[in-house]
Amino acid sequence: MEKITCQLLGKDKTRLDHQPYPGELGKSIQNSFSTEAWHLWLDKQTMLINENHLNPLDPESRELLEKEMRAFFGL
């Protein structure tokens, strides 16, 4: 397992072994953030979906989630 300095946690952590999201955003996340940071995002995403009654299949909901993901990771 490859280690990276996670930009969110500021510590050497396990690098994601795959791109977790399509496109350049996914590449940036894979190259700069750890598996642990990705799981923290998934927890926050679940909270956002539940609190805002979002449908991940709805384009507007996906747009909001991507905006929140960018903010979470500072991208």
PDB file of N, CA and C in Angstrom:
ATOM      1  N   MET A   1       0.835  -1.176   0.000  1.00  0.00           N
ATOM      2  CA  MET A   1       0.000   0.000   0.000  1.00  0.00           C
ATOM      3  C   MET A   1       0.882   1.242   0.000  1.00  0.00           C
ATOM      4  N   GLU A   2       0.645   2.067  -0.973  1.00  0.00           N
ATOM      5  CA  GLU A   2       1.423   3.289  -1.122  1.00  0.00           C
ATOM      6  C   GLU A   2       0.954   4.349  -0.129  1.00  0.00           C
ATOM      7  N   LYS A   3       1.907   5.076   0.425  1.00  0.00           N
ATOM      8  CA  LYS A   3       1.594   6.155   1.367  1.00  0.00           C
ATOM      9  C   LYS A   3       1.745   7.498   0.656  1.00  0.00           C
ATOM     10  N   ILE A   4       0.912   8.469   1.076  1.00  0.00           N
ATOM     11  CA  ILE A   4       1.028   9.852   0.625  1.00  0.00           C
ATOM     12  C   ILE A   4       0.829  10.757   1.834  1.00  0.00           C
ATOM     13  N   THR A   5       1.245  12.002   1.706  1.00  0.00           N
ATOM     14  CA  THR A   5       0.906  12.982   2.729  1.00  0.00           C
ATOM     15  C   THR A   5      -0.465  13.524   2.365  1.00  0.00           C
ATOM     16  N   CYS A   6      -1.452  13.152   3.130  1.00  0.00           N
ATOM     17  CA  CYS A   6      -2.835  13.536   2.862  1.00  0.00           C
ATOM     18  C   CYS A   6      -2.998  15.043   3.058  1.00  0.00           C
ATOM     19  N   GLN A   7      -3.520  15.715   2.042  1.00  0.00           N
ATOM     20  CA  GLN A   7      -3.697  17.162   2.096  1.00  0.00           C
ATOM     21  C   GLN A   7      -4.793  17.573   3.080  1.00  0.00           C
ATOM     22  N   LEU A   8      -5.713  16.684   3.395  1.00  0.00           N
ATOM     23  CA  LEU A   8      -6.771  16.995   4.352  1.00  0.00           C
ATOM     24  C   LEU A   8      -6.307  16.764   5.782  1.00  0.00           C
ATOM     25  N   LEU A   9      -5.635  15.658   6.011  1.00  0.00           N
ATOM     26  CA  LEU A   9      -5.251  15.263   7.362  1.00  0.00           C
ATOM     27  C   LEU A   9      -3.845  15.711   7.741  1.00  0.00           C
ATOM     28  N   GLY A  10      -3.016  16.044   6.738  1.00  0.00           N
ATOM     29  CA  GLY A  10      -1.670  16.506   7.004  1.00  0.00           C
ATOM     30  C   GLY A  10      -0.735  15.452   7.554  1.00  0.00           C
ATOM     31  N   LYS A  11      -1.044  14.201   7.288  1.00  0.00           N
ATOM     32  CA  LYS A  11      -0.232  13.090   7.794  1.00  0.00           C
ATOM     33  C   LYS A  11       0.002  12.089   6.673  1.00  0.00           C
ATOM     34  N   ASP A  12       1.058  11.275   6.824  1.00  0.00           N
ATOM     35  CA  ASP A  12       1.283  10.190   5.880  1.00  0.00           C
ATOM     36  C   ASP A  12       0.230   9.121   6.112  1.00  0.00           C
ATOM     37  N   LYS A  13      -0.532   8.863   5.075  1.00  0.00           N
ATOM     38  CA  LYS A  13      -1.641   7.906   5.142  1.00  0.00           C
ATOM     39  C   LYS A  13      -1.643   7.068   3.873  1.00  0.00           C
ATOM     40  N   THR A  14      -2.479   6.039   3.856  1.00  0.00           N
ATOM     41  CA  THR A  14      -2.598   5.166   2.698  1.00  0.00           C
ATOM     42  C   THR A  14      -3.280   5.894   1.550  1.00  0.00           C
ATOM     43  N   ARG A  15      -2.646   5.838   0.376  1.00  0.00           N
ATOM     44  CA  ARG A  15      -3.167   6.467  -0.832  1.00  0.00           C
ATOM     45  C   ARG A  15      -4.331   5.644  -1.372  1.00  0.00           C
ATOM     46  N   LEU A  16      -5.306   6.320  -1.957  1.00  0.00           N
ATOM     47  CA  LEU A  16      -6.400   5.611  -2.624  1.00  0.00           C
ATOM     48  C   LEU A  16      -5.824   4.753  -3.745  1.00  0.00           C
ATOM     49  N   ASP A  17      -6.272   3.519  -3.866  1.00  0.00           N
ATOM     50  CA  ASP A  17      -5.726   2.637  -4.895  1.00  0.00           C
ATOM     51  C   ASP A  17      -6.471   2.744  -6.225  1.00  0.00           C
ATOM     52  N   HIS A  18      -7.493   3.569  -6.263  1.00  0.00           N
ATOM     53  CA  HIS A  18      -8.235   3.801  -7.509  1.00  0.00           C
ATOM     54  C   HIS A  18      -8.791   5.224  -7.497  1.00  0.00           C
ATOM     55  N   GLN A  19      -9.116   5.707  -8.664  1.00  0.00           N
ATOM     56  CA  GLN A  19      -9.709   7.033  -8.786  1.00  0.00           C
ATOM     57  C   GLN A  19     -11.148   6.954  -8.299  1.00  0.00           C
ATOM     58  N   PRO A  20     -11.515   7.705  -7.237  1.00  0.00           N
ATOM     59  CA  PRO A  20     -12.827   7.540  -6.626  1.00  0.00           C
ATOM     60  C   PRO A  20     -13.959   8.302  -7.310  1.00  0.00           C
ATOM     61  N   TYR A  21     -13.599   9.136  -8.284  1.00  0.00           N
ATOM     62  CA  TYR A  21     -14.583   9.991  -8.940  1.00  0.00           C
ATOM     63  C   TYR A  21     -14.075  10.222 -10.361  1.00  0.00           C
ATOM     64  N   PRO A  22     -14.967  10.390 -11.328  1.00  0.00           N
ATOM     65  CA  PRO A  22     -14.503  10.537 -12.711  1.00  0.00           C
ATOM     66  C   PRO A  22     -13.764  11.857 -12.973  1.00  0.00           C
ATOM     67  N   GLY A  23     -12.981  11.858 -14.016  1.00  0.00           N
ATOM     68  CA  GLY A  23     -12.355  13.075 -14.517  1.00  0.00           C
ATOM     69  C   GLY A  23     -11.186  13.574 -13.699  1.00  0.00           C
ATOM     70  N   GLU A  24     -10.851  14.847 -13.972  1.00  0.00           N
ATOM     71  CA  GLU A  24      -9.712  15.476 -13.305  1.00  0.00           C
ATOM     72  C   GLU A  24      -9.920  15.599 -11.794  1.00  0.00           C
ATOM     73  N   LEU A  25     -11.155  15.830 -11.376  1.00  0.00           N
ATOM     74  CA  LEU A  25     -11.432  15.925  -9.946  1.00  0.00           C
ATOM     75  C   LEU A  25     -11.068  14.620  -9.249  1.00  0.00           C
ATOM     76  N   GLY A  26     -11.449  13.502  -9.843  1.00  0.00           N
ATOM     77  CA  GLY A  26     -11.111  12.199  -9.276  1.00  0.00           C
ATOM     78  C   GLY A  26      -9.614  11.961  -9.214  1.00  0.00           C
ATOM     79  N   LYS A  27      -8.898  12.385 -10.263  1.00  0.00           N
ATOM     80  CA  LYS A  27      -7.434  12.241 -10.270  1.00  0.00           C
ATOM     81  C   LYS A  27      -6.810  13.084  -9.168  1.00  0.00           C
ATOM     82  N   SER A  28      -7.309  14.311  -8.996  1.00  0.00           N
ATOM     83  CA  SER A  28      -6.785  15.183  -7.941  1.00  0.00           C
ATOM     84  C   SER A  28      -7.008  14.578  -6.564  1.00  0.00           C
ATOM     85  N   ILE A  29      -8.185  14.023  -6.356  1.00  0.00           N
ATOM     86  CA  ILE A  29      -8.484  13.398  -5.063  1.00  0.00           C
ATOM     87  C   ILE A  29      -7.558  12.210  -4.832  1.00  0.00           C
ATOM     88  N   GLN A  30      -7.413  11.360  -5.833  1.00  0.00           N
ATOM     89  CA  GLN A  30      -6.560  10.179  -5.689  1.00  0.00           C
ATOM     90  C   GLN A  30      -5.107  10.564  -5.401  1.00  0.00           C
ATOM     91  N   ASN A  31      -4.631  11.620  -6.042  1.00  0.00           N
ATOM     92  CA  ASN A  31      -3.229  12.003  -5.913  1.00  0.00           C
ATOM     93  C   ASN A  31      -2.921  12.816  -4.661  1.00  0.00           C
ATOM     94  N   SER A  32      -3.943  13.368  -4.009  1.00  0.00           N
ATOM     95  CA  SER A  32      -3.684  14.283  -2.906  1.00  0.00           C
ATOM     96  C   SER A  32      -4.297  13.880  -1.569  1.00  0.00           C
ATOM     97  N   PHE A  33      -5.189  12.904  -1.586  1.00  0.00           N
ATOM     98  CA  PHE A  33      -5.920  12.575  -0.362  1.00  0.00           C
ATOM     99  C   PHE A  33      -5.876  11.083  -0.081  1.00  0.00           C
ATOM    100  N   SER A  34      -5.974  10.763   1.183  1.00  0.00           N
ATOM    101  CA  SER A  34      -5.867   9.373   1.631  1.00  0.00           C
ATOM    102  C   SER A  34      -7.212   8.648   1.581  1.00  0.00           C
ATOM    103  N   THR A  35      -7.124   7.357   1.739  1.00  0.00           N
ATOM    104  CA  THR A  35      -8.313   6.533   1.864  1.00  0.00           C
ATOM    105  C   THR A  35      -9.150   6.998   3.052  1.00  0.00           C
ATOM    106  N   GLU A  36      -8.482   7.331   4.143  1.00  0.00           N
ATOM    107  CA  GLU A  36      -9.190   7.805   5.335  1.00  0.00           C
ATOM    108  C   GLU A  36      -9.961   9.092   5.045  1.00  0.00           C
ATOM    109  N   ALA A  37      -9.333  10.027   4.329  1.00  0.00           N
ATOM    110  CA  ALA A  37     -10.007  11.281   3.978  1.00  0.00           C
ATOM    111  C   ALA A  37     -11.202  11.018   3.077  1.00  0.00           C
ATOM    112  N   TRP A  38     -11.065  10.077   2.132  1.00  0.00           N
ATOM    113  CA  TRP A  38     -12.185   9.747   1.250  1.00  0.00           C
ATOM    114  C   TRP A  38     -13.349   9.192   2.058  1.00  0.00           C
ATOM    115  N   HIS A  39     -13.059   8.365   3.047  1.00  0.00           N
ATOM    116  CA  HIS A  39     -14.126   7.814   3.887  1.00  0.00           C
ATOM    117  C   HIS A  39     -14.795   8.897   4.738  1.00  0.00           C
ATOM    118  N   LEU A  40     -14.012   9.885   5.159  1.00  0.00           N
ATOM    119  CA  LEU A  40     -14.613  11.021   5.876  1.00  0.00           C
ATOM    120  C   LEU A  40     -15.579  11.766   4.953  1.00  0.00           C
ATOM    121  N   TRP A  41     -15.179  11.918   3.681  1.00  0.00           N
ATOM    122  CA  TRP A  41     -16.084  12.557   2.718  1.00  0.00           C
ATOM    123  C   TRP A  41     -17.345  11.725   2.531  1.00  0.00           C
ATOM    124  N   LEU A  42     -17.200  10.405   2.393  1.00  0.00           N
ATOM    125  CA  LEU A  42     -18.376   9.556   2.184  1.00  0.00           C
ATOM    126  C   LEU A  42     -19.355   9.680   3.349  1.00  0.00           C
ATOM    127  N   ASP A  43     -18.834   9.794   4.567  1.00  0.00           N
ATOM    128  CA  ASP A  43     -19.707   9.999   5.728  1.00  0.00           C
ATOM    129  C   ASP A  43     -20.451  11.332   5.614  1.00  0.00           C
ATOM    130  N   LYS A  44     -19.720  12.379   5.236  1.00  0.00           N
ATOM    131  CA  LYS A  44     -20.349  13.695   5.081  1.00  0.00           C
ATOM    132  C   LYS A  44     -21.364  13.680   3.943  1.00  0.00           C
ATOM    133  N   GLN A  45     -21.025  13.008   2.847  1.00  0.00           N
ATOM    134  CA  GLN A  45     -21.948  12.911   1.714  1.00  0.00           C
ATOM    135  C   GLN A  45     -23.248  12.224   2.130  1.00  0.00           C
ATOM    136  N   THR A  46     -23.137  11.159   2.892  1.00  0.00           N
ATOM    137  CA  THR A  46     -24.316  10.449   3.378  1.00  0.00           C
ATOM    138  C   THR A  46     -25.178  11.368   4.230  1.00  0.00           C
ATOM    139  N   MET A  47     -24.517  12.147   5.090  1.00  0.00           N
ATOM    140  CA  MET A  47     -25.242  13.103   5.922  1.00  0.00           C
ATOM    141  C   MET A  47     -25.965  14.139   5.049  1.00  0.00           C
ATOM    142  N   LEU A  48     -25.288  14.665   4.034  1.00  0.00           N
ATOM    143  CA  LEU A  48     -25.897  15.658   3.143  1.00  0.00           C
ATOM    144  C   LEU A  48     -27.092  15.074   2.395  1.00  0.00           C
ATOM    145  N   ILE A  49     -26.953  13.849   1.915  1.00  0.00           N
ATOM    146  CA  ILE A  49     -28.051  13.189   1.194  1.00  0.00           C
ATOM    147  C   ILE A  49     -29.256  13.029   2.106  1.00  0.00           C
ATOM    148  N   ASN A  50     -29.007  12.568   3.321  1.00  0.00           N
ATOM    149  CA  ASN A  50     -30.113  12.337   4.253  1.00  0.00           C
ATOM    150  C   ASN A  50     -30.759  13.632   4.728  1.00  0.00           C
ATOM    151  N   GLU A  51     -29.948  14.604   5.119  1.00  0.00           N
ATOM    152  CA  GLU A  51     -30.493  15.850   5.658  1.00  0.00           C
ATOM    153  C   GLU A  51     -31.240  16.675   4.610  1.00  0.00           C
ATOM    154  N   ASN A  52     -30.758  16.613   3.369  1.00  0.00           N
ATOM    155  CA  ASN A  52     -31.356  17.431   2.309  1.00  0.00           C
ATOM    156  C   ASN A  52     -32.270  16.630   1.386  1.00  0.00           C
ATOM    157  N   HIS A  53     -32.500  15.373   1.732  1.00  0.00           N
ATOM    158  CA  HIS A  53     -33.368  14.492   0.944  1.00  0.00           C
ATOM    159  C   HIS A  53     -32.959  14.500  -0.538  1.00  0.00           C
ATOM    160  N   LEU A  54     -31.645  14.331  -0.766  1.00  0.00           N
ATOM    161  CA  LEU A  54     -31.123  14.358  -2.128  1.00  0.00           C
ATOM    162  C   LEU A  54     -31.273  13.001  -2.788  1.00  0.00           C
ATOM    163  N   ASN A  55     -31.420  13.018  -4.092  1.00  0.00           N
ATOM    164  CA  ASN A  55     -31.453  11.810  -4.905  1.00  0.00           C
ATOM    165  C   ASN A  55     -30.182  11.815  -5.744  1.00  0.00           C
ATOM    166  N   PRO A  56     -29.215  10.930  -5.456  1.00  0.00           N
ATOM    167  CA  PRO A  56     -27.954  10.928  -6.188  1.00  0.00           C
ATOM    168  C   PRO A  56     -28.110  10.704  -7.703  1.00  0.00           C
ATOM    169  N   LEU A  57     -29.276  10.250  -8.148  1.00  0.00           N
ATOM    170  CA  LEU A  57     -29.511  10.074  -9.582  1.00  0.00           C
ATOM    171  C   LEU A  57     -29.983  11.357 -10.250  1.00  0.00           C
ATOM    172  N   ASP A  58     -30.402  12.325  -9.447  1.00  0.00           N
ATOM    173  CA  ASP A  58     -30.882  13.601  -9.953  1.00  0.00           C
ATOM    174  C   ASP A  58     -29.694  14.510 -10.284  1.00  0.00           C
ATOM    175  N   PRO A  59     -29.651  15.072 -11.504  1.00  0.00           N
ATOM    176  CA  PRO A  59     -28.512  15.926 -11.890  1.00  0.00           C
ATOM    177  C   PRO A  59     -28.283  17.112 -10.947  1.00  0.00           C
ATOM    178  N   GLU A  60     -29.335  17.741 -10.458  1.00  0.00           N
ATOM    179  CA  GLU A  60     -29.166  18.870  -9.534  1.00  0.00           C
ATOM    180  C   GLU A  60     -28.566  18.415  -8.203  1.00  0.00           C
ATOM    181  N   SER A  61     -28.989  17.252  -7.729  1.00  0.00           N
ATOM    182  CA  SER A  61     -28.425  16.710  -6.491  1.00  0.00           C
ATOM    183  C   SER A  61     -26.950  16.366  -6.687  1.00  0.00           C
ATOM    184  N   ARG A  62     -26.613  15.769  -7.825  1.00  0.00           N
ATOM    185  CA  ARG A  62     -25.218  15.433  -8.116  1.00  0.00           C
ATOM    186  C   ARG A  62     -24.360  16.688  -8.191  1.00  0.00           C
ATOM    187  N   GLU A  63     -24.898  17.738  -8.785  1.00  0.00           N
ATOM    188  CA  GLU A  63     -24.169  19.000  -8.894  1.00  0.00           C
ATOM    189  C   GLU A  63     -23.890  19.571  -7.504  1.00  0.00           C
ATOM    190  N   LEU A  64     -24.887  19.542  -6.641  1.00  0.00           N
ATOM    191  CA  LEU A  64     -24.709  20.021  -5.272  1.00  0.00           C
ATOM    192  C   LEU A  64     -23.668  19.175  -4.532  1.00  0.00           C
ATOM    193  N   LEU A  65     -23.747  17.863  -4.676  1.00  0.00           N
ATOM    194  CA  LEU A  65     -22.801  16.989  -3.991  1.00  0.00           C
ATOM    195  C   LEU A  65     -21.371  17.221  -4.487  1.00  0.00           C
ATOM    196  N   GLU A  66     -21.205  17.438  -5.793  1.00  0.00           N
ATOM    197  CA  GLU A  66     -19.864  17.709  -6.305  1.00  0.00           C
ATOM    198  C   GLU A  66     -19.343  19.039  -5.768  1.00  0.00           C
ATOM    199  N   LYS A  67     -20.200  20.042  -5.694  1.00  0.00           N
ATOM    200  CA  LYS A  67     -19.813  21.342  -5.142  1.00  0.00           C
ATOM    201  C   LYS A  67     -19.370  21.174  -3.690  1.00  0.00           C
ATOM    202  N   GLU A  68     -20.140  20.417  -2.920  1.00  0.00           N
ATOM    203  CA  GLU A  68     -19.792  20.165  -1.516  1.00  0.00           C
ATOM    204  C   GLU A  68     -18.493  19.361  -1.400  1.00  0.00           C
ATOM    205  N   MET A  69     -18.278  18.413  -2.309  1.00  0.00           N
ATOM    206  CA  MET A  69     -17.059  17.604  -2.296  1.00  0.00           C
ATOM    207  C   MET A  69     -15.853  18.491  -2.572  1.00  0.00           C
ATOM    208  N   ARG A  70     -15.972  19.383  -3.559  1.00  0.00           N
ATOM    209  CA  ARG A  70     -14.878  20.314  -3.862  1.00  0.00           C
ATOM    210  C   ARG A  70     -14.554  21.174  -2.637  1.00  0.00           C
ATOM    211  N   ALA A  71     -15.586  21.653  -1.959  1.00  0.00           N
ATOM    212  CA  ALA A  71     -15.382  22.474  -0.765  1.00  0.00           C
ATOM    213  C   ALA A  71     -14.719  21.655   0.350  1.00  0.00           C
ATOM    214  N   PHE A  72     -15.183  20.442   0.539  1.00  0.00           N
ATOM    215  CA  PHE A  72     -14.643  19.565   1.590  1.00  0.00           C
ATOM    216  C   PHE A  72     -13.142  19.347   1.403  1.00  0.00           C
ATOM    217  N   PHE A  73     -12.753  19.086   0.153  1.00  0.00           N
ATOM    218  CA  PHE A  73     -11.338  18.811  -0.137  1.00  0.00           C
ATOM    219  C   PHE A  73     -10.546  20.073  -0.464  1.00  0.00           C
ATOM    220  N   GLY A  74     -11.218  21.219  -0.548  1.00  0.00           N
ATOM    221  CA  GLY A  74     -10.526  22.461  -0.862  1.00  0.00           C
ATOM    222  C   GLY A  74     -10.022  22.520  -2.292  1.00  0.00           C
ATOM    223  N   LEU A  75     -10.825  21.967  -3.201  1.00  0.00           N
ATOM    224  CA  LEU A  75     -10.437  21.933  -4.629  1.00  0.00           C
ATOM    225  C   LEU A  75     -11.300  22.859  -5.469  1.00  0.00           C
TER     226      LEU A  75
END
